[in-house]
Protein backbone atom coordinates (compact mmCIF):
# COMPACT_ATOMS: atom_id res chain seq x y z
CA UNK A 1 152.90 -22.58 169.59
CA UNK A 2 155.48 -20.29 167.98
CA UNK A 3 158.66 -21.54 166.25
CA UNK A 4 160.89 -20.86 169.22
CA UNK A 5 158.69 -22.90 171.58
CA UNK A 6 158.62 -25.69 169.05
CA UNK A 7 162.48 -25.63 168.85
CA UNK A 8 162.64 -25.96 172.69
CA UNK A 9 160.16 -28.88 172.42
CA UNK A 10 162.35 -30.42 169.72
CA UNK A 11 165.19 -30.84 172.27
CA UNK A 12 162.95 -32.78 174.70
CA UNK A 13 161.52 -34.78 171.76
CA UNK A 14 165.03 -35.69 170.51
CA UNK A 15 165.97 -36.99 173.95
CA UNK A 16 162.74 -39.05 174.24
CA UNK A 17 161.55 -37.07 177.21
CA UNK A 18 158.05 -36.42 176.03
CA UNK A 19 154.97 -38.64 176.26
CA UNK A 20 152.74 -39.04 173.09
CA UNK A 21 150.48 -36.09 173.95
CA UNK A 22 153.40 -33.78 174.68
CA UNK A 23 155.25 -34.85 171.54
CA UNK A 24 152.19 -34.29 169.27
CA UNK A 25 152.89 -30.58 168.43
CA UNK A 26 156.57 -31.19 167.47
CA UNK A 27 155.63 -34.32 165.48
CA UNK A 28 153.03 -32.27 163.55
CA UNK A 29 155.57 -29.49 163.02
CA UNK A 30 158.17 -31.93 161.70
CA UNK A 31 155.58 -33.62 159.50
CA UNK A 32 154.72 -30.22 157.99
CA UNK A 33 158.32 -30.04 156.69
CA UNK A 34 160.32 -27.70 158.95
CA UNK A 35 163.87 -28.58 157.85
CA UNK A 36 165.50 -26.45 160.56
CA UNK A 37 163.77 -28.38 163.38
CA UNK A 38 164.26 -31.77 161.65
CA UNK A 39 168.05 -31.04 161.39
CA UNK A 40 168.03 -29.96 165.08
CA UNK A 41 166.29 -33.22 166.15
CA UNK A 42 168.70 -35.31 164.04
CA UNK A 43 171.72 -33.51 165.45
CA UNK A 44 170.58 -33.81 169.01
CA UNK A 45 169.79 -37.49 168.65
CA UNK A 46 173.24 -38.11 167.10
CA UNK A 47 174.90 -36.18 170.01
CA UNK A 48 172.94 -38.01 172.68
CA UNK A 49 173.83 -41.35 171.16
CA UNK A 50 177.53 -40.42 171.35
CA UNK A 51 177.30 -39.47 175.02
CA UNK A 52 176.86 -43.03 176.12
CA UNK A 53 180.24 -43.96 174.51
CA UNK A 54 182.04 -41.36 176.66
CA UNK A 55 181.04 -42.83 179.95
CA UNK A 56 182.83 -45.77 181.52
CA UNK A 57 180.49 -48.71 182.15
CA UNK A 58 180.09 -49.63 185.76
CA UNK A 59 177.90 -52.09 187.51
CA UNK A 60 175.29 -50.53 189.81
CA UNK A 61 175.65 -51.33 193.53
CA UNK A 62 173.72 -54.40 194.55
CA UNK A 63 171.77 -52.33 197.06
CA UNK A 64 170.40 -50.27 194.17
CA UNK A 65 169.08 -53.32 192.41
CA UNK A 66 167.34 -54.48 195.61
CA UNK A 67 165.81 -51.02 196.18
CA UNK A 68 164.50 -50.83 192.62
CA UNK A 69 162.92 -54.34 192.96
CA UNK A 70 161.36 -53.48 196.32
CA UNK A 71 159.96 -50.30 194.85
CA UNK A 72 158.54 -52.13 191.79
CA UNK A 73 156.84 -54.64 194.08
CA UNK A 74 155.42 -52.01 196.36
CA UNK A 75 154.16 -49.78 193.46
CA UNK A 76 152.50 -52.67 191.56
CA UNK A 77 150.51 -54.95 193.81
CA UNK A 78 150.31 -58.46 192.39
CA UNK A 79 153.55 -58.14 190.50
CA UNK A 80 155.36 -61.45 190.68
CA UNK A 81 159.17 -61.32 190.40
CA UNK A 82 161.59 -64.22 190.56
CA UNK A 83 165.17 -62.96 190.71
CA UNK A 84 167.88 -64.78 188.82
CA UNK A 85 169.96 -65.32 191.98
CA UNK A 86 167.09 -66.69 194.00
CA UNK A 87 167.12 -70.27 195.07
CA UNK A 88 164.38 -72.61 194.17
CA UNK A 89 165.85 -75.41 192.05
CA UNK A 90 164.24 -78.73 193.18
CA UNK A 91 164.52 -82.25 192.06
CA UNK A 92 161.77 -83.48 189.80
CA UNK A 93 162.31 -87.04 191.10
CA UNK A 94 163.98 -88.03 187.79
CA UNK A 95 167.73 -88.45 187.83
CA UNK A 96 169.56 -85.37 186.61
CA UNK A 97 166.47 -83.26 186.04
CA UNK A 98 165.89 -80.13 188.20
CA UNK A 99 163.05 -77.61 188.07
CA UNK A 100 162.68 -73.98 189.22
CA UNK A 101 159.09 -72.85 189.37
CA UNK A 102 158.70 -69.24 188.10
CA UNK A 103 154.88 -68.81 188.16
CA UNK A 104 151.71 -70.75 188.93
CA UNK A 105 148.51 -69.44 187.26
CA UNK A 106 145.58 -70.75 189.30
CA UNK A 107 142.99 -69.45 186.82
CA UNK A 108 144.61 -71.04 183.69
CA UNK A 109 145.86 -74.03 185.68
CA UNK A 110 149.33 -73.61 184.12
CA UNK A 111 152.83 -73.45 185.51
CA UNK A 112 155.89 -71.67 184.11
CA UNK A 113 159.10 -73.42 184.99
CA UNK A 114 162.76 -73.58 184.10
CA UNK A 115 163.71 -77.20 183.56
CA UNK A 116 167.42 -78.18 183.72
CA UNK A 117 168.64 -81.56 182.46
CA UNK A 118 172.10 -82.82 183.03
CA UNK A 119 173.91 -84.62 180.13
CA UNK A 120 172.33 -87.96 179.54
CA UNK A 121 169.28 -87.25 181.65
CA UNK A 122 165.79 -88.43 180.65
CA UNK A 123 162.44 -86.76 181.32
CA UNK A 124 159.60 -89.29 180.87
CA UNK A 125 156.80 -89.13 178.30
CA UNK A 126 153.61 -87.46 179.18
CA UNK A 127 150.17 -86.43 177.85
CA UNK A 128 149.60 -82.68 177.72
CA UNK A 129 146.64 -81.41 179.72
CA UNK A 130 146.66 -78.17 177.66
CA UNK A 131 149.01 -76.56 175.16
CA UNK A 132 152.59 -76.89 176.32
CA UNK A 133 155.16 -74.29 175.21
CA UNK A 134 158.91 -75.02 175.37
CA UNK A 135 161.78 -72.68 174.62
CA UNK A 136 165.31 -74.08 174.73
CA UNK A 137 167.56 -71.58 176.52
CA UNK A 138 170.77 -73.59 176.34
CA UNK A 139 172.00 -76.99 175.27
CA UNK A 140 170.16 -79.64 173.32
CA UNK A 141 167.09 -81.84 173.89
CA UNK A 142 165.59 -84.61 171.81
CA UNK A 143 162.24 -86.29 171.81
CA UNK A 144 160.16 -88.22 169.28
CA UNK A 145 162.94 -88.14 166.69
CA UNK A 146 163.21 -84.33 166.91
CA UNK A 147 166.17 -82.38 168.12
CA UNK A 148 166.08 -78.83 169.53
CA UNK A 149 168.88 -76.51 170.38
CA UNK A 150 169.22 -73.14 172.16
CA UNK A 151 166.82 -70.67 170.62
CA UNK A 152 164.36 -73.31 169.32
CA UNK A 153 160.67 -73.18 170.34
CA UNK A 154 157.94 -75.79 170.33
CA UNK A 155 154.30 -75.62 171.21
CA UNK A 156 152.47 -78.98 171.55
CA UNK A 157 148.64 -79.17 171.51
CA UNK A 158 146.41 -80.30 174.42
CA UNK A 159 146.06 -84.10 174.62
CA UNK A 160 149.15 -84.71 172.55
CA UNK A 161 151.67 -87.27 173.74
CA UNK A 162 155.17 -86.03 174.46
CA UNK A 163 157.81 -88.76 173.97
CA UNK A 164 160.52 -89.06 176.62
CA UNK A 165 163.02 -86.14 176.48
CA UNK A 166 166.74 -86.78 176.39
CA UNK A 167 169.79 -84.56 176.15
CA UNK A 168 173.40 -85.32 175.10
CA UNK A 169 175.15 -82.13 176.47
CA UNK A 170 172.53 -81.04 178.98
CA UNK A 171 169.96 -78.28 178.60
CA UNK A 172 167.92 -75.57 180.22
CA UNK A 173 164.38 -74.94 178.94
CA UNK A 174 161.60 -72.45 179.76
CA UNK A 175 158.29 -74.38 179.86
CA UNK A 176 154.72 -73.23 180.16
CA UNK A 177 152.57 -76.30 180.85
CA UNK A 178 149.34 -77.55 182.25
CA UNK A 179 149.06 -78.62 185.84
CA UNK A 180 147.08 -81.56 184.58
CA UNK A 181 149.68 -83.34 182.56
CA UNK A 182 149.60 -87.12 182.85
CA UNK A 183 152.91 -88.90 183.18
CA UNK A 184 153.14 -92.10 180.99
């Protein structure tokens, strides 16, 4: 590839429009030390970054979001999508504790759920059938003398006992858990 062809490739490379194979010649050229092309790539990246600041931010039409999701489902059989606006919150049978199932893995026998607890709610203790993972999305949750807040993560081993969970201000957690947990 001659230098002019590499400079044209540098434009596409700077914009991130090349896959790894297509980018290989320009990467090699830059690694070989061509200062002119390196300056061109840097200048183009800086200019492209500024372009985003010149455009007024607008929300895409709701129809577009729906079309993109339908297209993703159609092009990837087996893809499981739960939209944020979808219904699905159900009572767990414990006062002030709601659950939204996101995914059920029949092979691993696990379930991924959002668990929402209202202020003062209690979720009973249980024995873990396999590793349980819990990420606190918002609020606070306490169990076994430990307190977790938004952003905290916990993984409990299989067969461990989880003390009753309580919350002062309410919380929402993402939980991946066994379908064989035993309530205590």
